[in-house]
């Protein structure tokens, strides 16, 4: 089976990620079966799919006609066996719980054709442990889409200890076929690549905030108006190349020892969590979120990112 042979995809879980992933495959021409526990969840999921497609239309990245065609390619299924029947690829997008995922993969292994590839959208759980729940570990792979899938092009294709090179190559090729930017994560490490980079920056940002070096607003501005803007185009390693590795080596010799290396989350984060200040979902975190503020920020974020995506594409 080559990437071009994958035409029927099951997506298990119709939440934000599952629905978004279903939309990406459908828009690329695949037949998609979107599965969840009940019709209410599936109806909500289809609303997420349509909302994402509408956002792409508004930025003139796709046409209304292509949206209509994509929506027709998605079938909703409450019956897992029906969703798995004769698929070439299954993508799991259930909550980040290793025990739950392993339980689900036992079922997928039984219900899907023996030739099907089983992928998990986990953002950092062990692919090896998930694959061990099946009798086909060579065909189990990580396929981590980033949120929101219709905006962020990155997909991390991660090999478990037993994932075959053939399986990984097929998924990388498939990601390119559906218009994504895949990377191959060769070793099954916690957090893969994207989250390791993201949390390394977050740890230092929390340290700077804890030390009173700068405010939350100024820390975010330092990233969005500085290295974040540059890294969005060329990344940190090419930035070092262009700046001169001798320069970066010299700076590293005195700066690395000053950076935070603690293994526990700092009080700047845990104190907020303990107080129930969980960010936008609770109305307050590092910032305050009055009613409707979260949706306004998300709309602006997605609109700006889609415009950037249009430019760099």
Protein backbone atom coordinates (compact mmCIF):
# COMPACT_ATOMS: atom_id res chain seq x y z
CA UNK A 1 0.00 0.00 0.00
CA UNK A 2 1.33 3.41 -1.01
CA UNK A 3 0.17 6.81 0.22
CA UNK A 4 -1.81 7.19 -2.99
CA UNK A 5 -3.71 3.97 -2.14
CA UNK A 6 -5.15 5.44 1.06
CA UNK A 7 -8.62 6.67 0.15
CA UNK A 8 -10.80 5.62 3.12
CA UNK A 9 -9.93 6.94 6.56
CA UNK A 10 -11.61 6.40 9.92
CA UNK A 11 -11.21 9.19 12.48
CA UNK A 12 -12.14 8.10 16.00
CA UNK A 13 -13.25 10.97 18.22
CA UNK A 14 -15.24 13.96 16.94
CA UNK A 15 -13.86 16.59 19.28
CA UNK A 16 -11.83 19.63 18.25
CA UNK A 17 -8.90 17.59 16.94
CA UNK A 18 -10.78 14.63 15.48
CA UNK A 19 -13.25 16.83 13.62
CA UNK A 20 -10.44 19.04 12.36
CA UNK A 21 -8.46 16.03 11.13
CA UNK A 22 -11.54 14.63 9.40
CA UNK A 23 -11.96 17.91 7.56
CA UNK A 24 -8.35 17.89 6.36
CA UNK A 25 -8.65 14.39 4.88
CA UNK A 26 -12.04 15.11 3.33
CA UNK A 27 -10.85 18.30 1.67
CA UNK A 28 -7.95 16.33 0.18
CA UNK A 29 -10.37 13.90 -1.47
CA UNK A 30 -10.46 11.01 1.02
CA UNK A 31 -13.63 9.28 2.14
CA UNK A 32 -13.84 9.82 5.88
CA UNK A 33 -15.79 8.04 8.61
CA UNK A 34 -16.03 10.19 11.71
CA UNK A 35 -16.87 8.14 14.79
CA UNK A 36 -17.98 9.05 18.29
CA UNK A 37 -20.22 7.67 21.02
CA UNK A 38 -23.48 9.40 20.11
CA UNK A 39 -25.21 11.54 17.49
CA UNK A 40 -24.98 14.69 19.59
CA UNK A 41 -21.18 14.50 19.67
CA UNK A 42 -21.07 13.79 15.95
CA UNK A 43 -23.37 16.72 15.19
CA UNK A 44 -21.12 18.99 17.21
CA UNK A 45 -18.09 17.57 15.40
CA UNK A 46 -19.58 18.26 11.98
CA UNK A 47 -20.20 21.83 13.14
CA UNK A 48 -16.49 22.11 13.96
CA UNK A 49 -15.61 20.79 10.50
CA UNK A 50 -17.90 23.28 8.78
CA UNK A 51 -16.65 26.20 10.88
CA UNK A 52 -13.05 25.37 9.95
CA UNK A 53 -13.90 25.16 6.26
CA UNK A 54 -15.75 28.48 6.45
CA UNK A 55 -12.65 30.12 7.94
CA UNK A 56 -10.61 28.93 4.94
CA UNK A 57 -13.25 30.30 2.56
CA UNK A 58 -13.19 33.69 4.28
CA UNK A 59 -9.44 33.93 3.72
CA UNK A 60 -9.96 32.88 0.06
CA UNK A 61 -7.90 29.73 0.49
CA UNK A 62 -10.68 27.42 -0.76
CA UNK A 63 -14.01 27.82 -2.52
CA UNK A 64 -17.56 27.20 -1.29
CA UNK A 65 -17.83 24.44 -3.89
CA UNK A 66 -14.84 22.60 -2.44
CA UNK A 67 -16.37 22.88 1.04
CA UNK A 68 -19.60 21.31 -0.17
CA UNK A 69 -17.65 18.48 -1.82
CA UNK A 70 -15.56 17.88 1.32
CA UNK A 71 -18.58 17.75 3.61
CA UNK A 72 -20.19 15.10 1.38
CA UNK A 73 -17.12 12.88 1.82
CA UNK A 74 -17.62 12.62 5.59
CA UNK A 75 -19.90 9.94 7.02
CA UNK A 76 -20.72 9.94 10.72
CA UNK A 77 -20.80 6.64 12.58
CA UNK A 78 -21.71 5.79 16.14
CA UNK A 79 -20.90 2.13 15.48
CA UNK A 80 -17.15 1.55 15.75
CA UNK A 81 -17.20 -1.62 13.66
CA UNK A 82 -18.93 0.22 10.82
CA UNK A 83 -16.36 3.03 11.04
CA UNK A 84 -13.46 0.55 10.86
CA UNK A 85 -14.85 -1.59 8.03
CA UNK A 86 -12.50 -1.74 5.02
CA UNK A 87 -10.47 1.34 5.96
CA UNK A 88 -6.87 1.79 4.89
CA UNK A 89 -6.01 4.17 7.72
CA UNK A 90 -7.45 4.80 11.18
CA UNK A 91 -6.56 7.96 13.10
CA UNK A 92 -7.41 7.92 16.82
CA UNK A 93 -8.19 11.27 18.47
CA UNK A 94 -9.63 10.33 21.88
CA UNK A 95 -8.54 12.01 25.18
CA UNK A 96 -4.88 11.86 26.24
CA UNK A 97 -5.16 8.84 28.51
CA UNK A 98 -2.73 5.99 27.85
CA UNK A 99 -4.98 3.29 29.34
CA UNK A 100 -7.92 4.48 27.22
CA UNK A 101 -5.86 4.58 24.06
CA UNK A 102 -4.46 1.09 24.63
CA UNK A 103 -7.98 -0.24 25.22
CA UNK A 104 -9.18 1.40 22.01
CA UNK A 105 -6.26 0.05 19.97
CA UNK A 106 -7.15 -3.50 21.04
CA UNK A 107 -10.55 -2.89 19.42
CA UNK A 108 -9.10 -1.21 16.34
CA UNK A 109 -6.76 -4.15 15.84
CA UNK A 110 -9.72 -6.52 15.85
CA UNK A 111 -12.08 -4.45 13.71
CA UNK A 112 -9.80 -2.94 11.04
CA UNK A 113 -8.41 -4.88 8.07
CA UNK A 114 -5.05 -6.48 8.79
CA UNK A 115 -3.44 -4.27 6.16
CA UNK A 116 -4.72 -1.03 7.69
CA UNK A 117 -2.37 1.45 9.37
CA UNK A 118 -3.39 2.47 12.90
CA UNK A 119 -2.32 6.00 13.86
CA UNK A 120 -2.67 7.92 17.11
CA UNK A 121 -2.93 11.70 17.34
CA UNK A 122 -1.35 11.73 20.81
CA UNK A 123 0.74 14.82 21.47
CA UNK A 124 3.35 12.98 23.51
CA UNK A 125 2.31 9.57 24.87
CA UNK A 126 4.43 6.52 24.01
CA UNK A 127 3.73 5.12 20.55
CA UNK A 128 5.56 1.96 21.58
CA UNK A 129 3.22 1.32 24.52
CA UNK A 130 0.12 1.99 22.43
CA UNK A 131 1.39 -0.30 19.65
CA UNK A 132 2.06 -3.08 22.17
CA UNK A 133 -1.69 -3.43 22.69
CA UNK A 134 -2.02 -4.69 19.10
CA UNK A 135 -0.83 -7.64 17.04
CA UNK A 136 0.45 -5.29 14.32
CA UNK A 137 2.99 -2.97 16.02
CA UNK A 138 4.82 -2.48 12.72
CA UNK A 139 1.68 -0.73 11.41
CA UNK A 140 1.10 1.51 14.44
CA UNK A 141 2.45 5.06 14.24
CA UNK A 142 2.07 8.50 15.74
CA UNK A 143 0.35 11.08 13.55
CA UNK A 144 0.20 14.22 15.65
CA UNK A 145 -1.73 17.05 14.03
CA UNK A 146 -1.40 20.45 15.71
CA UNK A 147 -4.35 22.50 16.87
CA UNK A 148 -6.19 23.84 14.94
CA UNK A 149 -5.56 21.28 12.17
CA UNK A 150 -7.03 23.44 9.38
CA UNK A 151 -4.55 26.23 10.23
CA UNK A 152 -1.32 24.62 11.48
CA UNK A 153 0.44 22.64 8.74
CA UNK A 154 2.74 20.59 11.00
CA UNK A 155 2.13 16.87 11.48
CA UNK A 156 4.59 14.83 13.56
CA UNK A 157 4.87 11.27 12.22
CA UNK A 158 6.46 9.36 15.10
CA UNK A 159 7.89 5.86 14.99
CA UNK A 160 7.44 3.47 17.89
CA UNK A 161 10.14 0.91 18.56
CA UNK A 162 8.46 -1.55 16.17
CA UNK A 163 7.00 0.83 13.57
CA UNK A 164 8.31 -0.16 10.17
CA UNK A 165 10.14 2.32 7.95
CA UNK A 166 7.56 1.56 5.26
CA UNK A 167 4.66 2.58 7.52
CA UNK A 168 6.38 5.81 8.54
CA UNK A 169 7.27 6.71 4.94
CA UNK A 170 3.68 6.11 3.79
CA UNK A 171 2.30 8.41 6.46
CA UNK A 172 4.84 11.14 5.65
CA UNK A 173 3.91 10.90 1.98
CA UNK A 174 0.20 10.94 2.85
CA UNK A 175 0.64 14.09 4.93
CA UNK A 176 2.25 15.82 1.97
CA UNK A 177 -0.57 14.59 -0.26
CA UNK A 178 -3.18 16.28 1.95
CA UNK A 179 -1.23 19.52 2.03
CA UNK A 180 0.46 19.26 5.45
CA UNK A 181 4.10 19.77 6.49
CA UNK A 182 5.18 16.45 8.03
CA UNK A 183 8.32 15.73 10.01
CA UNK A 184 9.62 12.26 10.86
CA UNK A 185 10.31 11.72 14.58
CA UNK A 186 12.74 8.82 14.49
CA UNK A 187 12.69 7.96 18.20
CA UNK A 188 9.67 7.59 20.48
CA UNK A 189 10.55 10.30 23.03
CA UNK A 190 8.04 12.09 25.31
CA UNK A 191 6.69 15.23 23.67
CA UNK A 192 8.16 14.30 20.27
CA UNK A 193 9.72 17.46 18.71
CA UNK A 194 7.16 20.27 18.71
CA UNK A 195 6.15 20.02 22.35
CA UNK A 196 9.74 19.65 23.52
CA UNK A 197 10.57 22.94 21.80
CA UNK A 198 7.35 24.57 23.02
CA UNK A 199 7.83 23.57 26.64
CA UNK A 200 11.52 24.52 26.67
CA UNK A 201 10.45 28.06 25.78
CA UNK A 202 7.53 27.94 28.25
CA UNK A 203 9.84 26.89 31.10
CA UNK A 204 12.09 29.87 30.50
CA UNK A 205 9.12 32.22 30.07
CA UNK A 206 7.74 31.08 33.45
CA UNK A 207 11.18 31.56 35.02
CA UNK A 208 11.46 35.12 33.66
CA UNK A 209 7.98 35.88 35.00
CA UNK A 210 8.75 34.31 38.41
CA UNK A 211 11.94 36.34 38.75
CA UNK A 212 10.10 39.59 38.00
CA UNK A 213 12.33 40.24 35.00
CA UNK A 214 9.38 41.15 32.76
CA UNK A 215 5.57 41.10 32.77
CA UNK A 216 3.48 38.43 31.06
CA UNK A 217 2.56 40.93 28.34
CA UNK A 218 6.19 41.88 27.70
CA UNK A 219 7.34 38.25 27.68
CA UNK A 220 4.74 37.43 25.03
CA UNK A 221 5.70 40.52 23.02
CA UNK A 222 9.37 39.55 23.20
CA UNK A 223 8.46 36.27 21.49
CA UNK A 224 5.83 37.42 18.98
CA UNK A 225 7.78 40.50 17.86
CA UNK A 226 11.21 38.85 18.08
CA UNK A 227 12.40 35.24 17.74
CA UNK A 228 8.88 33.84 17.26
CA UNK A 229 8.43 35.94 14.14
CA UNK A 230 11.78 34.85 12.74
CA UNK A 231 11.42 31.19 13.74
CA UNK A 232 8.07 31.05 11.96
CA UNK A 233 9.98 31.53 8.71
CA UNK A 234 13.35 29.83 9.16
CA UNK A 235 13.42 28.00 12.52
CA UNK A 236 16.01 28.11 15.34
CA UNK A 237 18.80 26.05 13.76
CA UNK A 238 18.87 27.95 10.45
CA UNK A 239 18.68 31.17 12.47
CA UNK A 240 21.89 30.05 14.20
CA UNK A 241 23.47 29.19 10.86
CA UNK A 242 22.67 32.62 9.47
CA UNK A 243 23.79 34.40 12.62
CA UNK A 244 27.07 32.48 12.74
CA UNK A 245 27.61 29.32 14.76
CA UNK A 246 30.71 30.85 16.35
CA UNK A 247 28.55 33.68 17.68
CA UNK A 248 25.88 31.32 19.00
CA UNK A 249 28.53 29.06 20.53
CA UNK A 250 30.11 31.99 22.36
CA UNK A 251 26.73 33.14 23.72
CA UNK A 252 25.82 29.57 24.71
CA UNK A 253 28.94 29.31 26.89
CA UNK A 254 27.73 31.99 29.29
CA UNK A 255 23.94 31.94 28.76
CA UNK A 256 23.13 28.21 28.97
CA UNK A 257 24.17 28.10 32.63
CA UNK A 258 21.82 31.01 33.38
CA UNK A 259 18.74 29.36 31.87
CA UNK A 260 16.19 27.58 34.04
CA UNK A 261 16.71 23.83 34.28
CA UNK A 262 14.33 22.93 37.12
CA UNK A 263 12.29 19.78 36.59
CA UNK A 264 9.20 20.87 38.55
CA UNK A 265 6.63 23.41 37.32
CA UNK A 266 7.23 26.78 39.06
CA UNK A 267 4.85 28.48 41.46
CA UNK A 268 4.04 31.03 38.74
CA UNK A 269 2.09 28.22 37.06
CA UNK A 270 1.00 25.91 39.88
CA UNK A 271 -0.36 28.72 42.09
CA UNK A 272 -2.75 29.78 39.32
CA UNK A 273 -3.90 26.19 38.80
CA UNK A 274 -4.43 25.71 42.55
CA UNK A 275 -6.62 28.84 42.60
CA UNK A 276 -8.72 27.51 39.70
CA UNK A 277 -7.33 30.10 37.31
CA UNK A 278 -6.91 27.77 34.34
CA UNK A 279 -6.67 30.37 31.58
CA UNK A 280 -9.34 31.23 29.04
CA UNK A 281 -11.52 28.24 30.02
CA UNK A 282 -12.05 29.65 33.54
CA UNK A 283 -11.96 33.35 32.71
CA UNK A 284 -8.49 34.08 34.09
CA UNK A 285 -4.91 32.84 33.96
CA UNK A 286 -1.89 34.98 33.18
CA UNK A 287 -4.50 37.32 31.63
CA UNK A 288 -8.17 38.01 32.30
CA UNK A 289 -10.80 36.78 29.83
CA UNK A 290 -14.16 38.57 29.97
CA UNK A 291 -17.12 36.86 28.24
CA UNK A 292 -16.52 36.33 24.50
CA UNK A 293 -12.88 37.44 24.78
CA UNK A 294 -11.55 33.92 24.16
CA UNK A 295 -13.51 33.57 20.91
CA UNK A 296 -12.37 37.00 19.75
CA UNK A 297 -8.72 36.13 20.39
CA UNK A 298 -9.05 32.76 18.66
CA UNK A 299 -10.73 34.30 15.60
CA UNK A 300 -7.99 36.90 15.33
CA UNK A 301 -5.26 34.30 15.86
CA UNK A 302 -6.62 31.97 13.20
CA UNK A 303 -7.21 34.78 10.72
CA UNK A 304 -3.65 36.09 11.10
CA UNK A 305 -2.17 32.58 10.91
CA UNK A 306 -4.14 31.77 7.76
CA UNK A 307 -2.91 34.97 6.12
CA UNK A 308 0.65 34.06 7.08
CA UNK A 309 0.11 30.56 5.73
CA UNK A 310 -1.12 31.98 2.45
CA UNK A 311 2.01 34.14 2.16
CA UNK A 312 4.55 31.43 3.00
CA UNK A 313 2.80 28.86 0.78
